[in-house]
Amino acid sequence: MSAQQQISPASADNEQRQQRVAALERLGRRLHLSNNIASSILAIISALVALLFIVIIVKLLVDGVPYLINPDFYGTDVVGQQIFNTIYLLVFSEIILIPIALSAAIYLVEYARQGPLVTVIHFAAETLAGVPSLVLGLFGYLVFSSVLGLG
C-alpha cells in the first residue's frame, strides 16, 4: 500500500506537468499562427508602399525626362546639361576640398597645441556647423555679387 501511495502523488504531478506542457504547446501554436498572420499583413503593406514608391518614381521620370532633353524648354538650352554641369562642379570641388578639410581637421585635433588661434578656429568651426547652408550660400552670393562686383 505504501508503494501505491508513493506512486500516486508522483503520477498526479506528472499528469499536471503533461497538461501544462500541452497547454503551452497549444499556446505556442496559436502565437506562431498569429505571428505568421501579422508578418504576412506587414509584408503585404510593405509591398504596397514599395509599389507606390516605384509608381511615383516612374511617373516623375516619364513626365520629367522630356523637359530635361527638350531644347525649347523655356527658351533655354537643355536642362540636362545644366544638371550635369552642377554635378560636375560638385564632384571636382569635393575632390579638391575633402583632402584639404580632412588634413586641416586631423592637424587641429592631433598635432596643434592649444593656443588662441586654435581656440578661434574651433569656435568658428562650431559656429559654422550650426548655420544652415542656405544662409551661407546667400551670404556668399551677397559678398561676391554686391560687395566684390563679381556677379
Protein backbone atom coordinates (compact mmCIF):
# COMPACT_ATOMS: atom_id res chain seq x y z
CA MET A 1 0.00 0.00 0.00
CA SER A 2 2.84 2.37 0.75
CA ALA A 3 4.26 1.84 -2.74
CA GLN A 4 0.92 2.83 -4.32
CA GLN A 5 0.72 5.94 -2.15
CA GLN A 6 4.19 6.99 -3.29
CA ILE A 7 3.34 6.41 -6.97
CA SER A 8 0.03 8.21 -6.77
CA PRO A 9 1.38 11.71 -5.90
CA ALA A 10 4.17 11.34 -8.46
CA SER A 11 1.73 10.36 -11.19
CA ALA A 12 -0.51 13.32 -10.27
CA ASP A 13 2.48 15.68 -10.59
CA ASN A 14 3.44 14.03 -13.85
CA GLU A 15 -0.11 14.40 -15.17
CA GLN A 16 -0.22 18.09 -14.20
CA ARG A 17 3.13 18.61 -15.87
CA GLN A 18 1.86 16.97 -19.07
CA GLN A 19 -1.25 19.18 -19.01
CA ARG A 20 0.90 22.30 -18.62
CA VAL A 21 3.15 21.18 -21.47
CA ALA A 22 0.12 20.52 -23.69
CA ALA A 23 -1.36 23.94 -22.83
CA LEU A 24 1.95 25.63 -23.61
CA GLU A 25 2.20 23.79 -26.92
CA ARG A 26 -1.32 24.93 -27.87
CA LEU A 27 -0.45 28.49 -26.87
CA GLY A 28 2.77 28.28 -28.88
CA ARG A 29 0.87 27.11 -31.97
CA ARG A 30 -1.62 29.99 -31.59
CA LEU A 31 1.18 32.51 -31.14
CA HIS A 32 3.04 31.08 -34.14
CA LEU A 33 -0.13 31.35 -36.24
CA SER A 34 -0.78 34.96 -35.14
CA ASN A 35 2.87 35.80 -35.77
CA ASN A 36 2.61 34.39 -39.30
CA ILE A 37 -0.60 36.34 -39.95
CA ALA A 38 0.91 39.61 -38.67
CA SER A 39 4.09 39.04 -40.69
CA SER A 40 2.04 38.39 -43.83
CA ILE A 41 -0.03 41.54 -43.33
CA LEU A 42 3.09 43.65 -42.78
CA ALA A 43 4.75 42.12 -45.85
CA ILE A 44 1.70 42.98 -47.98
CA ILE A 45 1.64 46.56 -46.65
CA SER A 46 5.39 46.92 -47.28
CA ALA A 47 4.99 45.63 -50.82
CA LEU A 48 2.17 48.10 -51.46
CA VAL A 49 4.26 51.01 -50.16
CA ALA A 50 7.22 49.92 -52.31
CA LEU A 51 4.93 49.61 -55.33
CA LEU A 52 3.52 53.08 -54.68
CA PHE A 53 7.06 54.47 -54.44
CA ILE A 54 8.03 52.83 -57.74
CA VAL A 55 4.88 54.16 -59.44
CA ILE A 56 5.66 57.70 -58.25
CA ILE A 57 9.28 57.50 -59.46
CA VAL A 58 8.24 56.10 -62.85
CA LYS A 59 5.57 58.80 -63.22
CA LEU A 60 8.10 61.53 -62.42
CA LEU A 61 10.60 60.10 -64.89
CA VAL A 62 8.04 59.66 -67.67
CA ASP A 63 6.72 63.20 -67.22
CA GLY A 64 10.07 64.87 -66.46
CA VAL A 65 12.58 63.39 -68.92
CA PRO A 66 11.14 65.16 -71.98
CA TYR A 67 11.75 68.51 -70.28
CA LEU A 68 15.34 67.57 -69.50
CA ILE A 69 16.19 66.85 -73.14
CA ASN A 70 13.92 69.40 -74.86
CA PRO A 71 15.98 72.36 -76.14
CA ASP A 72 12.87 74.58 -76.36
CA PHE A 73 12.14 74.28 -72.63
CA TYR A 74 11.50 77.89 -71.56
CA GLY A 75 13.65 79.09 -74.46
CA THR A 76 16.88 77.87 -72.88
CA ASP A 77 19.32 75.14 -73.66
CA VAL A 78 18.75 71.61 -72.46
CA VAL A 79 18.21 71.48 -68.70
CA GLY A 80 20.06 68.16 -68.54
CA GLN A 81 23.30 69.94 -69.45
CA GLN A 82 22.87 72.33 -66.55
CA ILE A 83 22.24 69.46 -64.16
CA PHE A 84 25.34 67.68 -65.50
CA ASN A 85 27.42 70.84 -65.05
CA THR A 86 26.18 71.21 -61.47
CA ILE A 87 27.13 67.61 -60.65
CA TYR A 88 30.47 68.05 -62.45
CA LEU A 89 31.26 71.15 -60.39
CA LEU A 90 30.21 69.41 -57.18
CA VAL A 91 32.35 66.31 -57.79
CA PHE A 92 35.51 68.21 -58.69
CA SER A 93 35.05 70.65 -55.81
CA GLU A 94 34.82 67.71 -53.42
CA ILE A 95 37.87 66.04 -54.96
CA ILE A 96 39.87 69.18 -54.22
CA LEU A 97 38.35 70.24 -50.89
CA ILE A 98 37.84 66.97 -48.97
CA PRO A 99 41.58 66.19 -48.66
CA ILE A 100 42.28 69.78 -47.58
CA ALA A 101 39.48 69.74 -44.98
CA LEU A 102 40.46 66.33 -43.61
CA SER A 103 44.11 67.33 -43.38
CA ALA A 104 43.23 70.52 -41.52
CA ALA A 105 40.91 68.66 -39.15
CA ILE A 106 43.49 65.96 -38.38
CA TYR A 107 46.16 68.60 -37.81
CA LEU A 108 43.95 70.62 -35.46
CA VAL A 109 42.82 67.62 -33.45
CA GLU A 110 46.03 65.61 -33.28
CA TYR A 111 49.03 67.91 -33.69
CA ALA A 112 48.15 71.56 -32.97
CA ARG A 113 48.88 72.82 -29.48
CA GLN A 114 46.15 74.69 -27.66
CA GLY A 115 46.52 78.39 -28.24
CA PRO A 116 44.44 81.40 -29.14
CA LEU A 117 44.46 80.66 -32.87
CA VAL A 118 43.35 77.05 -32.39
CA THR A 119 40.62 78.20 -29.99
CA VAL A 120 39.33 80.73 -32.53
CA ILE A 121 39.37 78.09 -35.30
CA HIS A 122 37.43 75.61 -33.13
CA PHE A 123 34.90 78.30 -32.22
CA ALA A 124 34.47 79.31 -35.88
CA ALA A 125 34.04 75.69 -36.99
CA GLU A 126 31.42 75.01 -34.32
CA THR A 127 29.59 78.23 -35.19
CA LEU A 128 29.57 77.48 -38.92
CA ALA A 129 28.36 73.93 -38.25
CA GLY A 130 25.22 75.40 -36.71
CA VAL A 131 24.41 77.71 -39.63
CA PRO A 132 22.22 76.31 -42.44
CA SER A 133 23.96 76.02 -45.80
CA LEU A 134 21.28 78.16 -47.45
CA VAL A 135 22.19 81.09 -45.21
CA LEU A 136 25.88 80.62 -46.02
CA GLY A 137 25.07 80.48 -49.73
CA LEU A 138 23.03 83.68 -49.60
CA PHE A 139 25.79 85.40 -47.65
CA GLY A 140 28.36 84.24 -50.22
CA TYR A 141 26.14 85.46 -53.05
CA LEU A 142 25.81 88.83 -51.34
CA VAL A 143 29.56 89.16 -50.80
CA PHE A 144 30.62 88.02 -54.27
CA SER A 145 27.96 89.84 -56.27
CA SER A 146 27.29 93.06 -54.40
CA VAL A 147 30.44 93.81 -52.46
CA LEU A 148 33.08 92.46 -54.84
CA GLY A 149 31.07 93.10 -58.01
CA LEU A 150 31.75 89.63 -59.42
CA GLY A 151 28.18 88.63 -60.22
